[in-house]
Amino acid sequence: MTTYLLLALGVLVPVGAVSLVVLVRAGRPVLLPALAALAVLLVLTACFDSVIVGLGIVGYDGSRILGLRVGAAPVEDFAYPVAAALGIPALWTVLGAHRRS
């Protein structure tokens, strides 16, 4: 049985691993803003996902989630914002370095 956690990890692990390598190699000028954006995105995700789950706009099969929640949102919801907050600056860094060379 596929769970939301397995789907989320299927995205987060490869994107996160590659992105962290790129961001750490790029150094502080790229890493610190990416981590700041990650913090803001996690807060926004907690707020808005709690609202849409709490209102019933989005629902989750209780047998397919871990059961851990931040507000009303299951923790699995946070994998995609984390992947985006790390992946987009890493992609920007790689494409920018490619364009300069």
N, C-alpha and C. Protein backbone atom coordinates (compact mmCIF):
# COMPACT_ATOMS: atom_id res chain seq x y z
N MET A 1 0.84 -1.18 0.00
CA MET A 1 0.00 0.00 0.00
C MET A 1 0.89 1.24 0.00
N THR A 2 0.63 2.13 -0.94
CA THR A 2 1.37 3.37 -1.03
C THR A 2 0.78 4.38 -0.06
N THR A 3 1.66 5.03 0.69
CA THR A 3 1.20 6.05 1.61
C THR A 3 1.66 7.41 1.11
N TYR A 4 1.08 8.45 1.69
CA TYR A 4 1.49 9.80 1.32
C TYR A 4 2.95 10.03 1.67
N LEU A 5 3.43 9.41 2.74
CA LEU A 5 4.83 9.56 3.14
C LEU A 5 5.77 9.00 2.08
N LEU A 6 5.46 7.84 1.54
CA LEU A 6 6.32 7.25 0.50
C LEU A 6 6.35 8.13 -0.74
N LEU A 7 5.20 8.66 -1.13
CA LEU A 7 5.15 9.56 -2.28
C LEU A 7 5.96 10.83 -2.02
N ALA A 8 5.81 11.39 -0.83
CA ALA A 8 6.53 12.61 -0.48
C ALA A 8 8.03 12.37 -0.42
N LEU A 9 8.44 11.26 0.16
CA LEU A 9 9.87 10.96 0.24
C LEU A 9 10.45 10.67 -1.14
N GLY A 10 9.65 10.13 -2.03
CA GLY A 10 10.10 9.88 -3.40
C GLY A 10 10.49 11.16 -4.12
N VAL A 11 9.90 12.26 -3.70
CA VAL A 11 10.24 13.57 -4.26
C VAL A 11 11.31 14.25 -3.41
N LEU A 12 11.11 14.26 -2.10
CA LEU A 12 11.97 15.03 -1.21
C LEU A 12 13.40 14.50 -1.13
N VAL A 13 13.58 13.21 -1.08
CA VAL A 13 14.93 12.66 -0.91
C VAL A 13 15.85 13.01 -2.08
N PRO A 14 15.48 12.72 -3.32
CA PRO A 14 16.41 13.07 -4.40
C PRO A 14 16.56 14.58 -4.59
N VAL A 15 15.46 15.31 -4.55
CA VAL A 15 15.54 16.77 -4.74
C VAL A 15 16.32 17.40 -3.59
N GLY A 16 16.03 16.99 -2.38
CA GLY A 16 16.71 17.54 -1.21
C GLY A 16 18.19 17.24 -1.20
N ALA A 17 18.57 16.01 -1.53
CA ALA A 17 19.98 15.63 -1.51
C ALA A 17 20.79 16.43 -2.53
N VAL A 18 20.31 16.47 -3.75
CA VAL A 18 21.03 17.20 -4.80
C VAL A 18 21.06 18.69 -4.48
N SER A 19 19.93 19.22 -4.03
CA SER A 19 19.83 20.65 -3.74
C SER A 19 20.76 21.05 -2.60
N LEU A 20 20.82 20.26 -1.56
CA LEU A 20 21.71 20.59 -0.44
C LEU A 20 23.17 20.59 -0.87
N VAL A 21 23.55 19.64 -1.70
CA VAL A 21 24.93 19.62 -2.20
C VAL A 21 25.23 20.90 -2.97
N VAL A 22 24.33 21.28 -3.87
CA VAL A 22 24.54 22.49 -4.67
C VAL A 22 24.58 23.73 -3.78
N LEU A 23 23.63 23.84 -2.84
CA LEU A 23 23.56 25.03 -2.00
C LEU A 23 24.74 25.14 -1.05
N VAL A 24 25.19 24.03 -0.49
CA VAL A 24 26.34 24.07 0.41
C VAL A 24 27.60 24.44 -0.37
N ARG A 25 27.75 23.90 -1.55
CA ARG A 25 28.92 24.25 -2.38
C ARG A 25 28.88 25.70 -2.82
N ALA A 26 27.69 26.27 -3.00
CA ALA A 26 27.56 27.67 -3.40
C ALA A 26 27.91 28.60 -2.25
N GLY A 27 27.74 28.14 -1.03
CA GLY A 27 28.14 28.91 0.13
C GLY A 27 27.05 29.80 0.70
N ARG A 28 27.46 30.62 1.65
CA ARG A 28 26.54 31.45 2.42
C ARG A 28 25.66 32.39 1.59
N PRO A 29 26.18 33.01 0.54
CA PRO A 29 25.32 33.95 -0.19
C PRO A 29 24.06 33.31 -0.77
N VAL A 30 24.10 32.03 -1.00
CA VAL A 30 22.93 31.33 -1.56
C VAL A 30 22.23 30.52 -0.48
N LEU A 31 22.99 29.90 0.40
CA LEU A 31 22.43 28.98 1.41
C LEU A 31 21.56 29.71 2.43
N LEU A 32 22.00 30.82 2.95
CA LEU A 32 21.23 31.52 3.99
C LEU A 32 19.89 32.04 3.49
N PRO A 33 19.83 32.68 2.33
CA PRO A 33 18.50 33.09 1.83
C PRO A 33 17.59 31.89 1.53
N ALA A 34 18.16 30.80 1.07
CA ALA A 34 17.34 29.61 0.79
C ALA A 34 16.76 29.06 2.10
N LEU A 35 17.55 29.05 3.16
CA LEU A 35 17.05 28.57 4.44
C LEU A 35 16.02 29.52 5.03
N ALA A 36 16.20 30.81 4.83
CA ALA A 36 15.21 31.79 5.28
C ALA A 36 13.89 31.60 4.53
N ALA A 37 13.98 31.40 3.23
CA ALA A 37 12.78 31.15 2.43
C ALA A 37 12.09 29.86 2.87
N LEU A 38 12.89 28.86 3.22
CA LEU A 38 12.34 27.59 3.71
C LEU A 38 11.54 27.82 4.99
N ALA A 39 12.09 28.60 5.91
CA ALA A 39 11.39 28.87 7.17
C ALA A 39 10.06 29.58 6.93
N VAL A 40 10.07 30.58 6.06
CA VAL A 40 8.83 31.31 5.75
C VAL A 40 7.82 30.38 5.09
N LEU A 41 8.29 29.57 4.16
CA LEU A 41 7.40 28.66 3.44
C LEU A 41 6.78 27.61 4.37
N LEU A 42 7.54 27.16 5.35
CA LEU A 42 6.99 26.19 6.31
C LEU A 42 5.90 26.81 7.16
N VAL A 43 6.09 28.05 7.58
CA VAL A 43 5.06 28.74 8.37
C VAL A 43 3.80 28.95 7.52
N LEU A 44 3.98 29.40 6.29
CA LEU A 44 2.84 29.61 5.40
C LEU A 44 2.11 28.30 5.10
N THR A 45 2.87 27.25 4.90
CA THR A 45 2.26 25.94 4.64
C THR A 45 1.46 25.49 5.84
N ALA A 46 2.00 25.65 7.03
CA ALA A 46 1.28 25.26 8.25
C ALA A 46 -0.04 26.02 8.35
N CYS A 47 -0.01 27.30 8.08
CA CYS A 47 -1.23 28.13 8.18
C CYS A 47 -2.25 27.74 7.12
N PHE A 48 -1.86 27.81 5.87
CA PHE A 48 -2.83 27.63 4.80
C PHE A 48 -3.27 26.17 4.63
N ASP A 49 -2.37 25.22 4.82
CA ASP A 49 -2.78 23.82 4.73
C ASP A 49 -3.74 23.47 5.87
N SER A 50 -3.50 24.05 7.05
CA SER A 50 -4.43 23.80 8.15
C SER A 50 -5.81 24.33 7.82
N VAL A 51 -5.87 25.47 7.17
CA VAL A 51 -7.17 26.03 6.79
C VAL A 51 -7.87 25.15 5.76
N ILE A 52 -7.17 24.77 4.71
CA ILE A 52 -7.86 23.99 3.66
C ILE A 52 -8.20 22.58 4.13
N VAL A 53 -7.39 22.00 5.00
CA VAL A 53 -7.73 20.68 5.54
C VAL A 53 -8.86 20.83 6.56
N GLY A 54 -8.76 21.85 7.40
CA GLY A 54 -9.79 22.07 8.42
C GLY A 54 -11.15 22.36 7.83
N LEU A 55 -11.20 23.07 6.71
CA LEU A 55 -12.47 23.36 6.05
C LEU A 55 -13.00 22.20 5.21
N GLY A 56 -12.19 21.17 5.05
CA GLY A 56 -12.62 20.02 4.27
C GLY A 56 -12.44 20.18 2.77
N ILE A 57 -11.72 21.21 2.36
CA ILE A 57 -11.45 21.40 0.93
C ILE A 57 -10.55 20.28 0.42
N VAL A 58 -9.59 19.90 1.25
CA VAL A 58 -8.69 18.79 0.95
C VAL A 58 -8.82 17.79 2.07
N GLY A 59 -8.88 16.52 1.72
CA GLY A 59 -8.98 15.48 2.74
C GLY A 59 -7.94 14.40 2.51
N TYR A 60 -7.60 13.71 3.57
CA TYR A 60 -6.61 12.65 3.49
C TYR A 60 -7.20 11.38 4.07
N ASP A 61 -6.89 10.26 3.44
CA ASP A 61 -7.27 8.96 3.97
C ASP A 61 -6.45 8.72 5.23
N GLY A 62 -7.12 8.61 6.35
CA GLY A 62 -6.44 8.45 7.64
C GLY A 62 -5.53 7.23 7.72
N SER A 63 -5.79 6.21 6.91
CA SER A 63 -4.96 5.01 6.94
C SER A 63 -3.67 5.17 6.13
N ARG A 64 -3.56 6.27 5.39
CA ARG A 64 -2.39 6.48 4.54
C ARG A 64 -1.48 7.61 5.00
N ILE A 65 -1.77 8.19 6.17
CA ILE A 65 -0.90 9.22 6.72
C ILE A 65 -0.30 8.72 8.02
N LEU A 66 0.79 9.37 8.44
CA LEU A 66 1.45 8.97 9.69
C LEU A 66 0.58 9.26 10.90
N GLY A 67 -0.23 10.30 10.81
CA GLY A 67 -1.04 10.70 11.94
C GLY A 67 -0.46 11.90 12.66
N LEU A 68 0.78 12.26 12.35
CA LEU A 68 1.39 13.47 12.92
C LEU A 68 0.88 14.66 12.14
N ARG A 69 0.48 15.69 12.87
CA ARG A 69 -0.09 16.86 12.21
C ARG A 69 0.52 18.14 12.77
N VAL A 70 0.58 19.14 11.92
CA VAL A 70 0.91 20.50 12.33
C VAL A 70 -0.36 21.29 12.09
N GLY A 71 -1.03 21.66 13.15
CA GLY A 71 -2.38 22.19 13.01
C GLY A 71 -3.26 21.07 12.51
N ALA A 72 -3.95 21.30 11.42
CA ALA A 72 -4.79 20.25 10.83
C ALA A 72 -4.08 19.53 9.68
N ALA A 73 -2.92 20.05 9.28
CA ALA A 73 -2.22 19.50 8.11
C ALA A 73 -1.31 18.33 8.51
N PRO A 74 -1.37 17.23 7.78
CA PRO A 74 -0.45 16.12 8.06
C PRO A 74 0.98 16.51 7.69
N VAL A 75 1.95 15.93 8.40
CA VAL A 75 3.35 16.30 8.16
C VAL A 75 3.80 15.99 6.74
N GLU A 76 3.15 15.06 6.08
CA GLU A 76 3.51 14.72 4.71
C GLU A 76 3.32 15.92 3.77
N ASP A 77 2.43 16.83 4.13
CA ASP A 77 2.19 18.02 3.32
C ASP A 77 3.41 18.93 3.23
N PHE A 78 4.32 18.80 4.15
CA PHE A 78 5.47 19.71 4.20
C PHE A 78 6.62 19.27 3.30
N ALA A 79 6.57 18.09 2.73
CA ALA A 79 7.67 17.61 1.89
C ALA A 79 7.80 18.44 0.61
N TYR A 80 6.70 18.79 0.02
CA TYR A 80 6.77 19.50 -1.26
C TYR A 80 7.24 20.95 -1.10
N PRO A 81 6.80 21.68 -0.09
CA PRO A 81 7.38 23.01 0.12
C PRO A 81 8.87 22.97 0.44
N VAL A 82 9.30 21.95 1.18
CA VAL A 82 10.73 21.81 1.48
C VAL A 82 11.50 21.55 0.18
N ALA A 83 10.98 20.66 -0.65
CA ALA A 83 11.64 20.37 -1.93
C ALA A 83 11.70 21.62 -2.80
N ALA A 84 10.64 22.40 -2.82
CA ALA A 84 10.62 23.63 -3.63
C ALA A 84 11.58 24.68 -3.07
N ALA A 85 11.58 24.85 -1.74
CA ALA A 85 12.43 25.88 -1.12
C ALA A 85 13.91 25.56 -1.28
N LEU A 86 14.25 24.30 -1.40
CA LEU A 86 15.65 23.92 -1.63
C LEU A 86 15.96 23.77 -3.12
N GLY A 87 15.03 23.20 -3.84
CA GLY A 87 15.27 22.88 -5.25
C GLY A 87 15.34 24.09 -6.16
N ILE A 88 14.48 25.07 -5.94
CA ILE A 88 14.45 26.23 -6.83
C ILE A 88 15.73 27.06 -6.71
N PRO A 89 16.21 27.40 -5.50
CA PRO A 89 17.49 28.13 -5.43
C PRO A 89 18.66 27.31 -5.98
N ALA A 90 18.63 26.00 -5.78
CA ALA A 90 19.71 25.16 -6.32
C ALA A 90 19.68 25.17 -7.84
N LEU A 91 18.50 25.04 -8.40
CA LEU A 91 18.37 25.08 -9.86
C LEU A 91 18.81 26.44 -10.39
N TRP A 92 18.41 27.51 -9.72
CA TRP A 92 18.80 28.86 -10.10
C TRP A 92 20.33 28.98 -10.08
N THR A 93 20.95 28.43 -9.05
CA THR A 93 22.41 28.48 -8.91
C THR A 93 23.09 27.72 -10.04
N VAL A 94 22.61 26.53 -10.33
CA VAL A 94 23.21 25.71 -11.38
C VAL A 94 23.03 26.38 -12.75
N LEU A 95 21.84 26.86 -13.02
CA LEU A 95 21.60 27.49 -14.32
C LEU A 95 22.36 28.80 -14.46
N GLY A 96 22.50 29.55 -13.36
CA GLY A 96 23.25 30.78 -13.39
C GLY A 96 24.74 30.52 -13.62
N ALA A 97 25.27 29.47 -13.00
CA ALA A 97 26.67 29.11 -13.19
C ALA A 97 26.89 28.63 -14.62
N HIS A 98 25.93 27.91 -15.17
CA HIS A 98 26.04 27.42 -16.54
C HIS A 98 26.02 28.58 -17.53
N ARG A 99 25.18 29.57 -17.25
CA ARG A 99 25.07 30.71 -18.14
C ARG A 99 26.34 31.58 -18.12
N ARG A 100 27.00 31.67 -16.96
CA ARG A 100 28.22 32.48 -16.85
C ARG A 100 29.40 31.84 -17.56
N SER A 101 29.39 30.52 -17.68
CA SER A 101 30.56 29.86 -18.28
C SER A 101 30.53 29.83 -19.78
